[in-house]
């Protein structure tokens, strides 16, 4: 079992930045690949960033060059730096392993105004 607590969301204007954090209750090293997911109203939950234990990252084209995922294994925390935000980035953001565990946090709301 693992508890995941996301934070750092908020309301920002288009072009702005936010940094999300995800604190895990157990070793994220043991979880392996970690990822940030997002879910917009009425849409499925999508993966927007992944990072391996060796810190190899991957992003879909929709966020590549704007989002940066990082991890601090000592703090059991995963981060998502989001720059040049767009209204279409508006969603609830979650972190989890990849593939995901069944334990989802409450997420953090990101709202980007145009």
C-alpha atoms as a PDB file:
ATOM      1  CA  UNK A   1       0.000   0.000   0.000  1.00  0.00           C
ATOM      2  CA  UNK A   2       1.174   3.541  -0.675  1.00  0.00           C
ATOM      3  CA  UNK A   3      -0.245   6.981  -0.024  1.00  0.00           C
ATOM      4  CA  UNK A   4       0.394   9.661  -2.613  1.00  0.00           C
ATOM      5  CA  UNK A   5      -0.202  13.316  -1.807  1.00  0.00           C
ATOM      6  CA  UNK A   6      -0.102  15.814  -4.631  1.00  0.00           C
ATOM      7  CA  UNK A   7       0.230  19.557  -4.113  1.00  0.00           C
ATOM      8  CA  UNK A   8       1.190  22.761  -5.873  1.00  0.00           C
ATOM      9  CA  UNK A   9      -1.734  23.262  -8.212  1.00  0.00           C
ATOM     10  CA  UNK A  10      -3.610  26.490  -8.627  1.00  0.00           C
ATOM     11  CA  UNK A  11      -4.968  29.088 -10.994  1.00  0.00           C
ATOM     12  CA  UNK A  12      -2.497  30.599 -13.436  1.00  0.00           C
ATOM     13  CA  UNK A  13      -2.699  32.647 -16.592  1.00  0.00           C
ATOM     14  CA  UNK A  14      -1.690  31.192 -19.930  1.00  0.00           C
ATOM     15  CA  UNK A  15       2.072  31.333 -20.284  1.00  0.00           C
ATOM     16  CA  UNK A  16       2.610  30.970 -16.565  1.00  0.00           C
ATOM     17  CA  UNK A  17       4.336  28.267 -14.558  1.00  0.00           C
ATOM     18  CA  UNK A  18       3.570  25.914 -11.707  1.00  0.00           C
ATOM     19  CA  UNK A  19       5.567  23.305  -9.860  1.00  0.00           C
ATOM     20  CA  UNK A  20       3.726  20.264  -8.611  1.00  0.00           C
ATOM     21  CA  UNK A  21       4.964  17.951  -5.871  1.00  0.00           C
ATOM     22  CA  UNK A  22       3.976  14.406  -5.001  1.00  0.00           C
ATOM     23  CA  UNK A  23       4.969  12.961  -1.653  1.00  0.00           C
ATOM     24  CA  UNK A  24       4.829   9.184  -1.285  1.00  0.00           C
ATOM     25  CA  UNK A  25       4.497   7.270   1.977  1.00  0.00           C
ATOM     26  CA  UNK A  26       6.975   4.628   0.861  1.00  0.00           C
ATOM     27  CA  UNK A  27      10.137   4.431  -1.144  1.00  0.00           C
ATOM     28  CA  UNK A  28       9.595   5.661  -4.680  1.00  0.00           C
ATOM     29  CA  UNK A  29      12.760   3.834  -5.626  1.00  0.00           C
ATOM     30  CA  UNK A  30      10.883   0.609  -4.883  1.00  0.00           C
ATOM     31  CA  UNK A  31       8.008   1.800  -7.067  1.00  0.00           C
ATOM     32  CA  UNK A  32      10.310   2.097 -10.051  1.00  0.00           C
ATOM     33  CA  UNK A  33       9.070   4.254 -12.891  1.00  0.00           C
ATOM     34  CA  UNK A  34       7.016   7.199 -11.643  1.00  0.00           C
ATOM     35  CA  UNK A  35       4.679   9.335 -13.666  1.00  0.00           C
ATOM     36  CA  UNK A  36       2.381  12.309 -13.631  1.00  0.00           C
ATOM     37  CA  UNK A  37      -1.103  11.831 -15.003  1.00  0.00           C
ATOM     38  CA  UNK A  38      -3.858  14.325 -15.651  1.00  0.00           C
ATOM     39  CA  UNK A  39      -7.598  14.136 -16.080  1.00  0.00           C
ATOM     40  CA  UNK A  40      -9.703  16.891 -17.545  1.00  0.00           C
ATOM     41  CA  UNK A  41     -13.484  16.960 -16.987  1.00  0.00           C
ATOM     42  CA  UNK A  42     -15.211  14.338 -19.100  1.00  0.00           C
ATOM     43  CA  UNK A  43     -11.939  12.888 -20.362  1.00  0.00           C
ATOM     44  CA  UNK A  44      -9.833   9.875 -19.528  1.00  0.00           C
ATOM     45  CA  UNK A  45      -6.784  10.072 -17.326  1.00  0.00           C
ATOM     46  CA  UNK A  46      -3.650  10.508 -19.445  1.00  0.00           C
ATOM     47  CA  UNK A  47       0.007  10.092 -18.688  1.00  0.00           C
ATOM     48  CA  UNK A  48       1.955  13.323 -19.233  1.00  0.00           C
ATOM     49  CA  UNK A  49       5.416  12.537 -17.908  1.00  0.00           C
ATOM     50  CA  UNK A  50       7.452   9.556 -16.760  1.00  0.00           C
ATOM     51  CA  UNK A  51      10.796   9.151 -15.049  1.00  0.00           C
ATOM     52  CA  UNK A  52      12.720   5.973 -14.418  1.00  0.00           C
ATOM     53  CA  UNK A  53      14.789   5.203 -11.350  1.00  0.00           C
ATOM     54  CA  UNK A  54      17.783   6.177 -13.476  1.00  0.00           C
ATOM     55  CA  UNK A  55      16.107   9.524 -14.211  1.00  0.00           C
ATOM     56  CA  UNK A  56      15.366   8.860 -17.851  1.00  0.00           C
ATOM     57  CA  UNK A  57      12.326  10.957 -18.743  1.00  0.00           C
ATOM     58  CA  UNK A  58       9.661  10.756 -21.401  1.00  0.00           C
ATOM     59  CA  UNK A  59       6.820  13.060 -22.441  1.00  0.00           C
ATOM     60  CA  UNK A  60       4.022  13.083 -24.989  1.00  0.00           C
ATOM     61  CA  UNK A  61       4.288  15.691 -27.723  1.00  0.00           C
ATOM     62  CA  UNK A  62       1.540  17.754 -26.075  1.00  0.00           C
ATOM     63  CA  UNK A  63       3.818  18.758 -23.178  1.00  0.00           C
ATOM     64  CA  UNK A  64       7.313  18.081 -24.493  1.00  0.00           C
ATOM     65  CA  UNK A  65       9.559  21.084 -24.033  1.00  0.00           C
ATOM     66  CA  UNK A  66       7.207  22.657 -21.496  1.00  0.00           C
ATOM     67  CA  UNK A  67       6.994  20.093 -18.659  1.00  0.00           C
ATOM     68  CA  UNK A  68       9.902  18.614 -16.712  1.00  0.00           C
ATOM     69  CA  UNK A  69       9.561  15.682 -14.333  1.00  0.00           C
ATOM     70  CA  UNK A  70      12.116  15.007 -11.623  1.00  0.00           C
ATOM     71  CA  UNK A  71      12.408  12.825  -8.574  1.00  0.00           C
ATOM     72  CA  UNK A  72      14.149  12.897  -5.205  1.00  0.00           C
ATOM     73  CA  UNK A  73      14.384   9.313  -4.028  1.00  0.00           C
ATOM     74  CA  UNK A  74      15.729  10.371  -0.632  1.00  0.00           C
ATOM     75  CA  UNK A  75      12.614  12.465  -0.020  1.00  0.00           C
ATOM     76  CA  UNK A  76      10.250  10.032  -1.756  1.00  0.00           C
ATOM     77  CA  UNK A  77       8.991  12.949  -3.799  1.00  0.00           C
ATOM     78  CA  UNK A  78       8.285  13.448  -7.479  1.00  0.00           C
ATOM     79  CA  UNK A  79       8.021  16.880  -9.059  1.00  0.00           C
ATOM     80  CA  UNK A  80       6.521  18.312 -12.211  1.00  0.00           C
ATOM     81  CA  UNK A  81       7.717  21.704 -13.403  1.00  0.00           C
ATOM     82  CA  UNK A  82       5.197  23.119 -15.843  1.00  0.00           C
ATOM     83  CA  UNK A  83       6.103  26.133 -17.958  1.00  0.00           C
ATOM     84  CA  UNK A  84       4.351  27.956 -20.783  1.00  0.00           C
ATOM     85  CA  UNK A  85       1.037  26.656 -19.546  1.00  0.00           C
ATOM     86  CA  UNK A  86      -1.919  26.575 -21.909  1.00  0.00           C
ATOM     87  CA  UNK A  87      -5.666  26.480 -21.191  1.00  0.00           C
ATOM     88  CA  UNK A  88      -5.710  22.897 -22.479  1.00  0.00           C
ATOM     89  CA  UNK A  89      -3.420  21.929 -19.597  1.00  0.00           C
ATOM     90  CA  UNK A  90      -6.323  22.504 -17.218  1.00  0.00           C
ATOM     91  CA  UNK A  91      -6.956  19.258 -15.352  1.00  0.00           C
ATOM     92  CA  UNK A  92      -6.530  17.454 -12.075  1.00  0.00           C
ATOM     93  CA  UNK A  93      -2.966  16.172 -11.869  1.00  0.00           C
ATOM     94  CA  UNK A  94      -2.014  12.929 -10.145  1.00  0.00           C
ATOM     95  CA  UNK A  95       1.173  11.016  -9.621  1.00  0.00           C
ATOM     96  CA  UNK A  96       1.557   7.264  -9.481  1.00  0.00           C
ATOM     97  CA  UNK A  97       3.901   4.583 -10.618  1.00  0.00           C
ATOM     98  CA  UNK A  98       3.913   3.392 -14.229  1.00  0.00           C
ATOM     99  CA  UNK A  99       2.040   1.149 -14.580  1.00  0.00           C
ATOM    100  CA  UNK A 100      -0.070   2.648 -11.847  1.00  0.00           C
ATOM    101  CA  UNK A 101      -0.867   1.119  -8.496  1.00  0.00           C
ATOM    102  CA  UNK A 102      -4.481   1.045  -7.373  1.00  0.00           C
ATOM    103  CA  UNK A 103      -3.703   3.747  -4.815  1.00  0.00           C
ATOM    104  CA  UNK A 104      -4.490   7.191  -6.201  1.00  0.00           C
ATOM    105  CA  UNK A 105      -4.150  10.416  -4.287  1.00  0.00           C
ATOM    106  CA  UNK A 106      -6.647  13.236  -4.322  1.00  0.00           C
ATOM    107  CA  UNK A 107      -4.798  15.023  -7.087  1.00  0.00           C
ATOM    108  CA  UNK A 108      -4.141  18.720  -7.428  1.00  0.00           C
ATOM    109  CA  UNK A 109      -6.204  21.027  -9.601  1.00  0.00           C
ATOM    110  CA  UNK A 110      -4.443  23.069 -12.253  1.00  0.00           C
ATOM    111  CA  UNK A 111      -6.493  25.727 -13.974  1.00  0.00           C
ATOM    112  CA  UNK A 112      -5.016  27.804 -16.782  1.00  0.00           C
ATOM    113  CA  UNK A 113      -6.966  30.874 -17.825  1.00  0.00           C
ATOM    114  CA  UNK A 114      -6.699  32.362 -21.298  1.00  0.00           C
END
